[in-house]
Amino acid sequence: MTVLIRGEMAADIPAIHALTEAAFLHAPHTSHTEQFIVDALRAAGELAVSLVAEDRGELVGHVALSPVTLSDGSTGWFGLGPISVAPARQREGVGGQLIERALDALRARQAAGCVLLGDPDYYRRFGFIPEPTLVLPGVPAEYFQAIALNGSVPTATVQYSDSFEARA
């Protein structure tokens, strides 16, 4: 199913919060703080890309992209996530459409690459793979994945924004 993918607007913020909370309510491997992470990224001015999926005036999905820091000093790398799809709309391709448009937005910025933490079987279709030279401490290597968009993958430790520690 095709939905309208567009940039977030100020009026979308409450719906994004509620959608994100609902999307992760019963998800395994979550701290159930994703809605607070998105809010904190926005408040810190670190929400580099924020796209929503809209269907008939209702928000059914959201994806956030924020800059990450690499220990070798490489710039232009972003983290994808959280990505949320309304529970009733999961497995319809909404998430895939959001990811494709998010990657298009990074390519338009001439971004070096993107990292994420997630299911390798799902994200492989978008070009993400575990890269042994990029490390996110404390997580299983196979779930931390990257895609180089402009150049090669550096050898570095990745650090997400402090906003990812938001709990309320």
Protein backbone atom coordinates (compact mmCIF):
# COMPACT_ATOMS: atom_id res chain seq x y z
CA MET A 1 0.00 0.00 0.00
CA THR A 2 1.27 3.44 -0.88
CA VAL A 3 1.02 6.22 1.67
CA LEU A 4 2.02 9.87 1.54
CA ILE A 5 5.53 10.32 2.97
CA ARG A 6 6.31 13.90 4.01
CA GLY A 7 8.33 15.89 6.47
CA GLU A 8 6.89 16.34 9.94
CA MET A 9 5.04 19.53 10.74
CA ALA A 10 4.60 21.09 14.18
CA ALA A 11 0.98 19.95 14.26
CA ASP A 12 2.17 16.32 13.89
CA ILE A 13 4.24 16.26 17.09
CA PRO A 14 1.55 14.94 19.49
CA ALA A 15 0.49 12.29 16.96
CA ILE A 16 4.12 11.21 16.42
CA HIS A 17 4.55 10.81 20.18
CA ALA A 18 1.38 8.70 20.48
CA LEU A 19 2.16 6.67 17.36
CA THR A 20 5.68 5.88 18.56
CA GLU A 21 4.44 4.84 21.99
CA ALA A 22 1.80 2.55 20.44
CA ALA A 23 4.21 1.05 17.91
CA PHE A 24 6.62 -0.10 20.62
CA LEU A 25 4.07 -1.01 23.31
CA HIS A 26 4.31 -4.77 22.73
CA ALA A 27 7.63 -4.91 20.87
CA PRO A 28 10.38 -7.17 22.21
CA HIS A 29 13.84 -5.78 22.92
CA THR A 30 12.74 -2.26 23.78
CA SER A 31 12.96 0.03 26.77
CA HIS A 32 9.59 1.59 25.79
CA THR A 33 11.20 5.04 25.71
CA GLU A 34 11.27 5.56 21.93
CA GLN A 35 8.66 8.34 22.05
CA PHE A 36 10.80 10.20 24.59
CA ILE A 37 13.89 9.72 22.42
CA VAL A 38 12.16 11.36 19.44
CA ASP A 39 10.97 14.23 21.65
CA ALA A 40 14.48 14.70 23.09
CA LEU A 41 16.11 14.65 19.64
CA ARG A 42 13.66 17.31 18.48
CA ALA A 43 14.21 19.46 21.60
CA ALA A 44 18.00 19.23 21.19
CA GLY A 45 17.82 20.23 17.51
CA GLU A 46 19.22 16.83 16.54
CA LEU A 47 16.28 15.52 14.55
CA ALA A 48 18.04 15.86 11.20
CA VAL A 49 15.26 14.15 9.24
CA SER A 50 11.78 13.43 10.55
CA LEU A 51 9.37 11.88 8.08
CA VAL A 52 5.79 10.77 8.58
CA ALA A 53 3.61 8.37 6.64
CA GLU A 54 0.08 9.68 6.22
CA ASP A 55 -2.95 7.82 4.94
CA ARG A 56 -6.22 9.67 4.48
CA GLY A 57 -5.19 12.36 6.95
CA GLU A 58 -4.02 9.93 9.66
CA LEU A 59 -0.39 9.42 10.65
CA VAL A 60 0.45 5.74 10.33
CA GLY A 61 4.26 5.86 10.50
CA HIS A 62 7.30 7.91 11.46
CA VAL A 63 11.06 7.68 11.04
CA ALA A 64 13.77 9.73 12.72
CA LEU A 65 17.35 10.31 11.59
CA SER A 66 19.93 11.97 13.81
CA PRO A 67 23.67 12.55 13.58
CA VAL A 68 25.99 10.04 15.24
CA THR A 69 29.57 10.61 16.38
CA LEU A 70 32.38 8.37 15.15
CA SER A 71 35.54 7.96 17.21
CA ASP A 72 37.83 8.42 14.20
CA GLY A 73 36.39 11.89 13.51
CA SER A 74 34.47 10.88 10.38
CA THR A 75 31.53 13.17 9.71
CA GLY A 76 28.29 12.87 7.80
CA TRP A 77 27.06 9.69 9.51
CA PHE A 78 23.50 9.37 10.80
CA GLY A 79 21.52 6.94 12.90
CA LEU A 80 18.18 5.69 11.64
CA GLY A 81 15.58 5.28 14.34
CA PRO A 82 13.34 5.13 16.03
CA ILE A 83 11.06 4.01 13.23
CA SER A 84 7.41 3.49 14.13
CA VAL A 85 4.40 2.10 12.32
CA ALA A 86 0.91 2.01 13.81
CA PRO A 87 0.23 -1.53 15.07
CA ALA A 88 -2.78 -1.97 12.77
CA ARG A 89 -0.64 -0.97 9.76
CA GLN A 90 2.43 -3.10 10.39
CA ARG A 91 3.45 -5.59 7.70
CA GLU A 92 1.91 -3.44 4.94
CA GLY A 93 5.16 -1.89 3.69
CA VAL A 94 4.80 1.46 5.45
CA GLY A 95 8.10 1.03 7.31
CA GLY A 96 9.89 0.14 4.08
CA GLN A 97 8.59 3.24 2.36
CA LEU A 98 9.76 5.39 5.28
CA ILE A 99 13.23 3.82 5.23
CA GLU A 100 13.61 4.31 1.46
CA ARG A 101 12.62 7.99 1.71
CA ALA A 102 14.89 8.50 4.73
CA LEU A 103 17.84 7.09 2.80
CA ASP A 104 16.91 9.29 -0.18
CA ALA A 105 16.99 12.32 2.16
CA LEU A 106 20.47 11.34 3.36
CA ARG A 107 21.70 10.87 -0.21
CA ALA A 108 20.37 14.34 -1.08
CA ARG A 109 22.47 15.72 1.80
CA GLN A 110 25.55 13.90 0.51
CA ALA A 111 25.68 12.01 3.83
CA ALA A 112 28.55 9.58 4.27
CA GLY A 113 26.40 6.81 5.68
CA CYS A 114 23.80 5.54 8.08
CA VAL A 115 23.78 3.11 10.98
CA LEU A 116 20.99 1.38 12.85
CA LEU A 117 20.30 -1.20 15.48
CA GLY A 118 17.78 -3.80 14.32
CA ASP A 119 16.90 -7.13 12.77
CA PRO A 120 19.48 -8.00 10.10
CA ASP A 121 16.97 -10.04 8.09
CA TYR A 122 14.68 -7.03 7.75
CA TYR A 123 17.21 -4.26 7.11
CA ARG A 124 19.38 -6.21 4.65
CA ARG A 125 16.85 -5.48 1.89
CA PHE A 126 17.71 -1.77 2.17
CA GLY A 127 21.47 -2.37 1.93
CA PHE A 128 22.31 -2.40 5.64
CA ILE A 129 24.83 -5.00 6.76
CA PRO A 130 26.87 -5.59 9.89
CA GLU A 131 30.22 -3.86 9.34
CA PRO A 132 32.97 -5.29 11.54
CA THR A 133 34.86 -1.97 11.46
CA LEU A 134 31.96 -0.03 13.00
CA VAL A 135 31.20 -0.86 16.61
CA LEU A 136 28.41 0.13 18.96
CA PRO A 137 29.58 -0.95 22.41
CA GLY A 138 27.30 -3.21 24.38
CA VAL A 139 25.21 -4.61 21.53
CA PRO A 140 25.57 -7.84 19.53
CA ALA A 141 27.57 -7.04 16.40
CA GLU A 142 25.11 -8.70 14.03
CA TYR A 143 22.34 -6.28 15.04
CA PHE A 144 24.38 -3.11 14.53
CA GLN A 145 24.36 -2.42 10.81
CA ALA A 146 25.52 0.24 8.41
CA ILE A 147 25.23 1.42 4.86
CA ALA A 148 27.86 3.61 3.20
CA LEU A 149 26.22 6.25 1.02
CA ASN A 150 29.21 8.35 0.02
CA GLY A 151 32.65 6.82 0.45
CA SER A 152 33.78 3.86 2.49
CA VAL A 153 32.93 2.56 5.94
CA PRO A 154 35.42 3.86 8.52
CA THR A 155 36.94 1.97 11.42
CA ALA A 156 35.37 3.56 14.48
CA THR A 157 33.23 3.28 17.55
CA VAL A 158 29.81 4.89 17.10
CA GLN A 159 28.08 7.02 19.70
CA TYR A 160 24.45 8.07 19.50
CA SER A 161 23.17 11.36 20.90
CA ASP A 162 22.56 11.62 24.63
CA SER A 163 18.91 11.99 23.63
CA PHE A 164 18.80 8.20 23.31
CA GLU A 165 19.00 8.08 27.11
CA ALA A 166 15.71 9.99 27.48
CA ARG A 167 13.29 8.28 29.84
CA ALA A 168 10.48 10.81 30.09
